[in-house]
Amino acid sequence: MNETLVNIMKKINIGLFGFGVVGEGIYKVLSEKSQLNTEIKKIVIKHPEKKRNAPAQLFTTDAKEILDDPEIDIVVELIDDAEAAFEIAKTAMNSGKSVVSANKKMIAEHASELIELQRKNKVSFLYEAAVCGSIPIIRNLEEYYDNDLLNYVKGIVNGSTNYILTKMKSENQSYDDALFSAQKNGFAESDPTLDVEGIDAANKLSIIILHAFGRLISHEEILRKGITSLKTEDFQYATEKGLVIKLIASCQLDDKNKLIPTVLPTFIEKSKTLALVNNEFNGVLIGSALADEQFLYGKGAGRFPTSSAVLSDISALRYSYKYELRKGIQNGFQSNYSSLQRIYLGFDPKENIDQNLFENIEESYQSNHHAYVTGSINLEKLKSSGWLENKAISIIAF
């Protein structure tokens, strides 16, 4: 019998790390869909005293019960701790097991090592769920765009910040009230730092860059500003100009084949596609030389959207699917922060702002409580200005 057909028919045993929102969703689906011929054999948890919606015999606190079990084919890693997740993935692959993960921080920080482990052990390491939830962005970049000449990938890749920005715009909520609403509805963590400071989006962007352009970079190399500095006056300005504010992760190539990777609050015209992406939804634009621009849209967070991506990876492993990374893997990257960017700079009039950093100023305003400047600035100057780190200053790209 054909080997591929044997793999499709074979029952798959899964070892699951983590039984939170997504882990329970995976268990629920696999328990109800016997036609998938896939079973969770063991689940490693951190707190055995908690009551869980699954038989008690499935749970253990001993990772070896999964990692040393020769009957377990696939390890699904769904824990929060990036370093612990890396150790799990490394041990599993060295034991000949394929791994499915949703841990974008772990992947972004250890991509080079994880790729080498996959190749050395002839196993698969898949992570569609790590970027944009239910949107199949990685698989599309790997397969559909493997030979196309991409010019850019940009979009909304963090559902928590998009939910907050939607509330601030549509309901005139303050940042604190919008964040509380996001936490209450399960779209933001009790400590939302990774989301609201743009770090989560930068981690996802570094993974996208690997598959879109074959470049390995860290989130620290990406020019980044989160949403914590945004104020009511910034949204009033957007409304007056017919714009909305979104946190946009963007990577594009210039005419010298250099990358310009940024994560910045950005003004979008109300009629544009990304302006219509609201609440916890994500949306990604892919621009290429041949296909022009295409748009991917879907829920970027939540139990079932993320579970759908994990299940897709598990299904793909029946075909021994691997990320081929056909665009190569280039360590380090050449950035072009010498290019100009139009920005809006909002600040308290008492702030000492060196407006000479702008190449040109288009508009300037000041009242007793708020001031702003719009114009073009060299990205390298913006990077070294200290404004990105200053929580009293809002920066919004055009």
Protein backbone atom coordinates (compact mmCIF):
# COMPACT_ATOMS: atom_id res chain seq x y z
CA MET A 1 0.00 0.00 0.00
CA ASN A 2 1.16 3.54 -0.78
CA GLU A 3 3.01 5.09 2.22
CA THR A 4 1.00 8.31 2.07
CA LEU A 5 -2.26 6.32 2.14
CA VAL A 6 -1.00 4.33 5.13
CA ASN A 7 -0.27 7.58 6.98
CA ILE A 8 -3.74 8.95 6.19
CA MET A 9 -5.42 5.80 7.53
CA LYS A 10 -3.19 5.43 10.59
CA LYS A 11 -4.54 6.48 13.98
CA ILE A 12 -2.57 9.41 15.40
CA ASN A 13 -1.73 9.62 19.10
CA ILE A 14 -1.16 13.12 20.46
CA GLY A 15 0.64 14.33 23.56
CA LEU A 16 -0.76 17.72 24.58
CA PHE A 17 1.05 20.31 26.71
CA GLY A 18 -1.38 22.79 28.23
CA PHE A 19 -5.12 22.61 28.79
CA GLY A 20 -6.19 26.22 28.66
CA VAL A 21 -8.76 27.73 26.35
CA VAL A 22 -7.18 26.37 23.15
CA GLY A 23 -6.07 23.04 24.64
CA GLU A 24 -9.57 22.30 25.85
CA GLY A 25 -10.93 23.31 22.44
CA ILE A 26 -8.62 20.81 20.71
CA TYR A 27 -9.65 18.06 23.14
CA LYS A 28 -13.34 18.82 22.63
CA VAL A 29 -13.13 18.69 18.83
CA LEU A 30 -11.04 15.50 18.71
CA SER A 31 -13.34 13.79 21.22
CA GLU A 32 -16.44 14.59 19.15
CA LYS A 33 -14.99 13.91 15.68
CA SER A 34 -14.09 10.22 15.63
CA GLN A 35 -13.68 10.39 11.84
CA LEU A 36 -10.46 12.32 12.38
CA ASN A 37 -8.95 9.08 13.76
CA THR A 38 -6.86 11.12 16.20
CA GLU A 39 -6.69 10.72 19.96
CA ILE A 40 -5.10 12.70 22.76
CA LYS A 41 -3.27 10.07 24.79
CA LYS A 42 -1.86 12.25 27.56
CA ILE A 43 -2.04 15.91 28.66
CA VAL A 44 0.68 17.61 30.71
CA ILE A 45 -0.58 20.34 33.05
CA LYS A 46 1.02 22.62 35.62
CA HIS A 47 -1.73 22.75 38.27
CA PRO A 48 -3.22 19.27 38.92
CA GLU A 49 -5.60 20.58 41.60
CA LYS A 50 -7.74 22.46 39.07
CA LYS A 51 -10.98 20.84 37.92
CA ARG A 52 -10.95 20.13 34.17
CA ASN A 53 -13.50 19.05 31.59
CA ALA A 54 -11.80 15.77 30.68
CA PRO A 55 -11.15 12.37 32.34
CA ALA A 56 -8.65 12.64 35.20
CA GLN A 57 -6.51 9.75 33.87
CA LEU A 58 -5.52 11.85 30.86
CA PHE A 59 -3.63 14.37 32.98
CA THR A 60 -0.12 14.34 34.35
CA THR A 61 2.50 16.80 35.56
CA ASP A 62 5.35 14.66 34.23
CA ALA A 63 6.51 15.71 30.75
CA LYS A 64 8.32 12.38 30.30
CA GLU A 65 4.98 10.58 30.06
CA ILE A 66 4.64 12.24 26.66
CA LEU A 67 8.22 12.80 25.56
CA ASP A 68 9.37 9.24 26.36
CA ASP A 69 6.26 7.48 25.04
CA PRO A 70 7.08 5.78 21.68
CA GLU A 71 3.36 5.49 20.85
CA ILE A 72 2.87 9.26 20.79
CA ASP A 73 3.39 10.55 17.24
CA ILE A 74 2.79 14.28 17.63
CA VAL A 75 3.45 16.73 20.43
CA VAL A 76 1.10 19.73 20.52
CA GLU A 77 2.56 22.54 22.63
CA LEU A 78 0.12 25.20 23.88
CA ILE A 79 1.76 26.71 26.97
CA ASP A 80 2.59 30.36 27.73
CA ASP A 81 6.22 29.96 28.88
CA ALA A 82 8.41 30.46 25.78
CA GLU A 83 11.57 28.91 27.25
CA ALA A 84 9.74 25.87 28.64
CA ALA A 85 7.99 25.50 25.28
CA PHE A 86 11.36 25.51 23.50
CA GLU A 87 12.68 22.74 25.74
CA ILE A 88 9.54 20.69 25.04
CA ALA A 89 9.82 21.20 21.27
CA LYS A 90 13.55 20.44 21.26
CA THR A 91 13.22 17.25 23.31
CA ALA A 92 10.25 16.06 21.26
CA MET A 93 12.01 16.54 17.92
CA ASN A 94 15.17 14.90 19.21
CA SER A 95 12.92 11.95 20.17
CA GLY A 96 11.64 11.71 16.59
CA LYS A 97 8.26 13.34 17.24
CA SER A 98 6.75 16.08 15.09
CA VAL A 99 5.64 19.22 16.91
CA VAL A 100 2.74 21.64 16.50
CA SER A 101 3.00 24.92 18.40
CA ALA A 102 1.10 28.18 18.86
CA ASN A 103 3.87 29.94 20.81
CA LYS A 104 4.89 32.88 18.62
CA LYS A 105 7.42 34.21 21.16
CA MET A 106 9.22 30.87 21.33
CA ILE A 107 9.26 30.55 17.52
CA ALA A 108 10.44 34.12 16.94
CA GLU A 109 13.26 33.79 19.48
CA HIS A 110 14.44 30.29 18.50
CA ALA A 111 13.54 30.01 14.80
CA SER A 112 17.05 29.12 13.62
CA GLU A 113 17.49 26.32 16.19
CA LEU A 114 14.00 24.94 15.61
CA ILE A 115 14.52 24.78 11.85
CA GLU A 116 17.80 22.93 12.35
CA LEU A 117 16.18 20.46 14.79
CA GLN A 118 13.44 19.73 12.26
CA ARG A 119 15.97 19.04 9.53
CA LYS A 120 18.38 17.03 11.67
CA ASN A 121 15.67 14.73 13.05
CA LYS A 122 13.63 14.50 9.80
CA VAL A 123 10.43 15.55 11.57
CA SER A 124 8.00 18.44 11.11
CA PHE A 125 7.59 21.60 13.14
CA LEU A 126 4.38 23.46 12.26
CA TYR A 127 2.95 26.65 13.78
CA GLU A 128 0.11 28.10 11.74
CA ALA A 129 -1.75 28.94 14.97
CA ALA A 130 1.10 31.22 16.11
CA VAL A 131 0.25 33.92 13.55
CA CYS A 132 -3.26 35.37 13.00
CA GLY A 133 -5.30 32.54 14.53
CA SER A 134 -7.62 31.07 11.92
CA ILE A 135 -6.03 32.87 8.94
CA PRO A 136 -3.76 30.45 7.01
CA ILE A 137 -1.06 33.04 6.41
CA ILE A 138 2.00 30.77 6.84
CA ARG A 139 0.69 28.01 4.57
CA ASN A 140 -0.20 30.58 1.91
CA LEU A 141 3.23 32.19 2.03
CA GLU A 142 4.85 28.73 1.89
CA GLU A 143 2.76 27.26 -0.91
CA TYR A 144 0.84 29.80 -2.97
CA TYR A 145 3.54 32.49 -2.88
CA ASP A 146 6.58 30.21 -2.83
CA ASN A 147 7.82 31.41 -6.23
CA ASP A 148 6.04 34.75 -6.49
CA LEU A 149 7.97 37.96 -6.03
CA LEU A 150 6.50 39.54 -2.91
CA ASN A 151 6.73 43.28 -2.40
CA TYR A 152 5.09 43.56 1.01
CA VAL A 153 3.02 41.88 3.69
CA LYS A 154 1.16 44.14 6.11
CA GLY A 155 -1.89 44.08 8.30
CA ILE A 156 -3.59 43.71 11.66
CA VAL A 157 -2.08 40.68 13.37
CA ASN A 158 -3.07 41.22 17.02
CA GLY A 159 -6.73 40.82 17.95
CA SER A 160 -6.38 42.30 21.46
CA THR A 161 -5.12 45.69 20.29
CA ASN A 162 -7.60 45.76 17.43
CA TYR A 163 -10.45 45.16 19.88
CA ILE A 164 -9.19 48.00 22.10
CA LEU A 165 -8.80 50.41 19.18
CA THR A 166 -12.28 49.53 17.91
CA LYS A 167 -13.79 50.39 21.30
CA MET A 168 -11.83 53.65 21.53
CA LYS A 169 -13.09 54.67 18.10
CA SER A 170 -16.69 53.43 17.99
CA GLU A 171 -17.65 53.97 21.64
CA ASN A 172 -15.29 56.85 22.51
CA GLN A 173 -13.88 54.79 25.37
CA SER A 174 -10.62 55.75 27.06
CA TYR A 175 -7.67 53.42 26.63
CA ASP A 176 -8.09 52.11 30.20
CA ASP A 177 -11.83 51.40 29.73
CA ALA A 178 -11.24 49.71 26.37
CA LEU A 179 -8.48 47.56 27.86
CA PHE A 180 -10.73 46.54 30.75
CA SER A 181 -13.44 45.54 28.26
CA ALA A 182 -10.91 43.47 26.29
CA GLN A 183 -9.77 41.70 29.46
CA LYS A 184 -13.35 41.10 30.62
CA ASN A 185 -14.22 39.49 27.26
CA GLY A 186 -11.10 37.31 27.20
CA PHE A 187 -9.33 39.16 24.35
CA ALA A 188 -6.49 40.52 26.52
CA GLU A 189 -4.39 39.00 29.30
CA SER A 190 -4.34 40.34 32.87
CA ASP A 191 -0.84 41.60 31.96
CA PRO A 192 -1.41 42.94 28.43
CA THR A 193 2.12 44.29 27.89
CA LEU A 194 3.10 41.99 25.01
CA ASP A 195 -0.05 42.96 23.10
CA VAL A 196 -0.41 46.68 23.78
CA GLU A 197 3.29 47.49 23.39
CA GLY A 198 3.33 45.82 19.97
CA ILE A 199 5.76 43.05 21.01
CA ASP A 200 3.34 40.25 20.10
CA ALA A 201 2.77 41.84 16.67
CA ALA A 202 6.55 42.18 16.18
CA ASN A 203 7.07 38.49 17.05
CA LYS A 204 4.42 37.53 14.50
CA LEU A 205 5.93 39.88 11.92
CA SER A 206 9.36 38.26 12.32
CA ILE A 207 7.75 34.86 11.56
CA ILE A 208 5.94 36.31 8.54
CA ILE A 209 9.21 37.82 7.27
CA LEU A 210 10.91 34.40 7.46
CA HIS A 211 8.26 32.81 5.25
CA ALA A 212 7.66 35.80 2.97
CA PHE A 213 11.24 36.93 2.37
CA GLY A 214 13.53 34.24 3.80
CA ARG A 215 15.08 36.57 6.39
CA LEU A 216 15.64 35.68 10.05
CA ILE A 217 15.23 38.71 12.31
CA SER A 218 14.27 39.28 15.94
CA HIS A 219 11.43 41.46 17.17
CA GLU A 220 14.04 43.80 18.67
CA GLU A 221 15.21 44.72 15.16
CA ILE A 222 11.73 45.90 14.17
CA LEU A 223 10.88 49.59 14.56
CA ARG A 224 7.98 49.44 17.03
CA LYS A 225 5.47 51.59 18.91
CA GLY A 226 2.43 50.20 20.71
CA ILE A 227 -0.96 51.75 21.44
CA THR A 228 -0.52 52.79 25.10
CA SER A 229 0.36 56.39 24.19
CA LEU A 230 -2.76 57.02 22.11
CA LYS A 231 -5.09 59.70 23.46
CA THR A 232 -8.63 60.92 22.84
CA GLU A 233 -7.26 63.85 20.83
CA ASP A 234 -5.57 61.45 18.41
CA PHE A 235 -8.90 59.79 17.66
CA GLN A 236 -10.57 63.19 17.28
CA TYR A 237 -7.94 64.11 14.68
CA ALA A 238 -8.58 60.81 12.86
CA THR A 239 -12.35 61.42 12.82
CA GLU A 240 -11.90 64.95 11.44
CA LYS A 241 -9.70 63.62 8.61
CA GLY A 242 -11.93 60.63 7.75
CA LEU A 243 -9.37 58.13 9.11
CA VAL A 244 -9.25 55.26 11.61
CA ILE A 245 -6.30 54.12 13.70
CA LYS A 246 -5.03 50.53 13.50
CA LEU A 247 -1.89 48.85 14.82
CA ILE A 248 -0.23 47.74 11.59
CA ALA A 249 2.62 45.23 11.29
CA SER A 250 4.36 45.86 7.98
CA CYS A 251 7.32 44.51 6.05
CA GLN A 252 8.12 45.70 2.57
CA LEU A 253 11.08 45.58 0.23
CA ASP A 254 12.52 48.76 -1.22
CA ASP A 255 14.04 49.04 -4.71
CA LYS A 256 17.40 47.82 -3.32
CA ASN A 257 15.86 44.64 -1.89
CA LYS A 258 16.19 45.92 1.65
CA LEU A 259 13.45 45.34 4.23
CA ILE A 260 11.52 48.04 6.04
CA PRO A 261 9.90 46.23 9.02
CA THR A 262 7.67 48.27 11.36
CA VAL A 263 4.90 47.85 13.91
CA LEU A 264 3.18 51.21 14.32
CA PRO A 265 -0.24 52.73 14.98
CA THR A 266 -1.32 53.82 11.51
CA PHE A 267 -3.98 56.04 10.00
CA ILE A 268 -6.11 54.18 7.46
CA GLU A 269 -8.71 55.79 5.20
CA LYS A 270 -12.21 54.66 6.23
CA SER A 271 -12.90 53.16 2.81
CA LYS A 272 -9.76 50.97 2.80
CA THR A 273 -9.96 47.23 3.50
CA LEU A 274 -7.96 47.24 6.74
CA ALA A 275 -10.15 50.02 8.18
CA LEU A 276 -13.09 47.60 8.09
CA VAL A 277 -11.31 44.98 10.23
CA ASN A 278 -12.72 45.43 13.74
CA ASN A 279 -12.79 43.90 17.21
CA GLU A 280 -10.76 40.67 17.60
CA PHE A 281 -10.49 40.08 13.85
CA ASN A 282 -7.21 40.13 11.91
CA GLY A 283 -6.60 41.11 8.30
CA VAL A 284 -3.47 40.78 6.17
CA LEU A 285 -2.63 42.30 2.78
CA ILE A 286 -0.10 40.51 0.56
CA GLY A 287 1.36 42.47 -2.33
CA SER A 288 3.25 40.72 -5.10
CA ALA A 289 4.67 41.43 -8.54
CA LEU A 290 2.35 38.95 -10.26
CA ALA A 291 -0.82 38.64 -8.17
CA ASP A 292 -0.98 42.35 -7.22
CA GLU A 293 -2.71 42.65 -3.81
CA GLN A 294 -4.68 39.98 -1.98
CA PHE A 295 -6.43 40.08 1.38
CA LEU A 296 -6.79 37.42 4.10
CA TYR A 297 -9.34 37.98 6.88
CA GLY A 298 -10.51 36.05 9.93
CA LYS A 299 -10.63 35.81 13.69
CA GLY A 300 -7.17 36.20 15.17
CA ALA A 301 -7.91 35.06 18.69
CA GLY A 302 -10.17 32.79 20.71
CA ARG A 303 -10.63 29.09 21.41
CA PHE A 304 -12.03 27.83 18.13
CA PRO A 305 -10.17 30.06 15.60
CA THR A 306 -6.82 29.05 17.13
CA SER A 307 -7.95 25.44 17.50
CA SER A 308 -8.81 25.34 13.80
CA ALA A 309 -5.24 26.28 12.89
CA VAL A 310 -3.79 23.66 15.27
CA LEU A 311 -6.09 20.98 13.84
CA SER A 312 -5.07 21.98 10.30
CA ASP A 313 -1.43 21.41 11.23
CA ILE A 314 -2.22 18.04 12.82
CA SER A 315 -4.07 17.00 9.65
CA ALA A 316 -1.15 18.16 7.47
CA LEU A 317 1.20 15.90 9.41
CA ARG A 318 -0.68 12.87 8.03
CA TYR A 319 0.98 13.83 4.74
CA SER A 320 4.35 14.40 6.46
CA TYR A 321 3.98 18.08 5.59
CA LYS A 322 6.96 20.35 6.35
CA TYR A 323 7.72 23.99 5.85
CA GLU A 324 10.20 23.90 2.99
CA LEU A 325 11.33 27.52 3.38
CA ARG A 326 12.01 27.66 -0.35
CA LYS A 327 12.99 31.32 -0.18
CA GLY A 328 16.03 30.31 1.85
CA ILE A 329 17.10 31.40 5.30
CA GLN A 330 19.24 34.51 5.49
CA ASN A 331 20.54 35.32 8.97
CA GLY A 332 20.42 38.98 9.82
CA PHE A 333 18.94 41.46 7.43
CA GLN A 334 19.64 44.71 5.72
CA SER A 335 17.11 47.28 6.85
CA ASN A 336 16.41 50.55 5.15
CA TYR A 337 15.50 52.98 7.88
CA SER A 338 16.93 55.78 5.77
CA SER A 339 13.59 56.04 3.97
CA LEU A 340 11.07 58.74 4.86
CA GLN A 341 7.81 58.11 6.68
CA ARG A 342 4.87 60.50 7.09
CA ILE A 343 3.82 60.55 10.73
CA TYR A 344 1.57 62.33 13.19
CA LEU A 345 3.31 63.22 16.46
CA GLY A 346 0.96 63.99 19.37
CA PHE A 347 2.32 65.37 22.64
CA ASP A 348 1.78 67.57 25.69
CA PRO A 349 2.83 71.17 24.92
CA LYS A 350 5.21 70.97 27.89
CA GLU A 351 7.20 68.19 26.16
CA ASN A 352 10.52 69.26 24.68
CA ILE A 353 10.06 68.17 21.06
CA ASP A 354 12.87 68.73 18.56
CA GLN A 355 10.88 69.45 15.44
CA ASN A 356 14.12 69.85 13.48
CA LEU A 357 14.18 66.04 13.21
CA PHE A 358 11.42 66.31 10.61
CA GLU A 359 12.48 66.61 6.98
CA ASN A 360 9.40 68.74 6.42
CA ILE A 361 6.39 69.78 8.49
CA GLU A 362 2.96 69.74 6.89
CA GLU A 363 0.75 70.75 9.81
CA SER A 364 1.27 72.03 13.35
CA TYR A 365 -1.24 72.62 16.15
CA GLN A 366 -1.08 73.58 19.81
CA SER A 367 -3.65 74.22 22.56
CA ASN A 368 -3.23 74.44 26.32
CA HIS A 369 -3.50 70.67 26.71
CA HIS A 370 -2.47 69.07 23.44
CA ALA A 371 -0.17 69.62 20.47
CA TYR A 372 0.63 67.74 17.30
CA VAL A 373 2.89 67.93 14.28
CA THR A 374 2.50 66.06 11.00
CA GLY A 375 5.22 65.66 8.41
CA SER A 376 7.92 63.39 7.01
CA ILE A 377 10.78 62.01 9.06
CA ASN A 378 13.73 59.76 8.36
CA LEU A 379 12.99 56.42 10.06
CA GLU A 380 16.54 56.20 11.44
CA LYS A 381 16.04 59.58 13.13
CA LEU A 382 12.67 58.42 14.46
CA LYS A 383 14.32 55.28 15.82
CA SER A 384 16.99 57.25 17.70
CA SER A 385 14.75 60.15 18.79
CA GLY A 386 13.52 58.52 22.00
CA TRP A 387 9.91 59.22 20.97
CA LEU A 388 9.12 55.53 20.42
CA GLU A 389 9.88 54.76 24.07
CA ASN A 390 8.20 57.89 25.49
CA LYS A 391 4.69 56.97 26.70
CA ALA A 392 3.66 60.63 26.70
CA ILE A 393 4.15 60.89 22.94
CA SER A 394 1.82 59.30 20.41
CA ILE A 395 3.20 58.37 16.99
CA ILE A 396 0.86 57.40 14.18
CA ALA A 397 2.05 56.59 10.66
CA PHE A 398 0.18 57.64 7.52
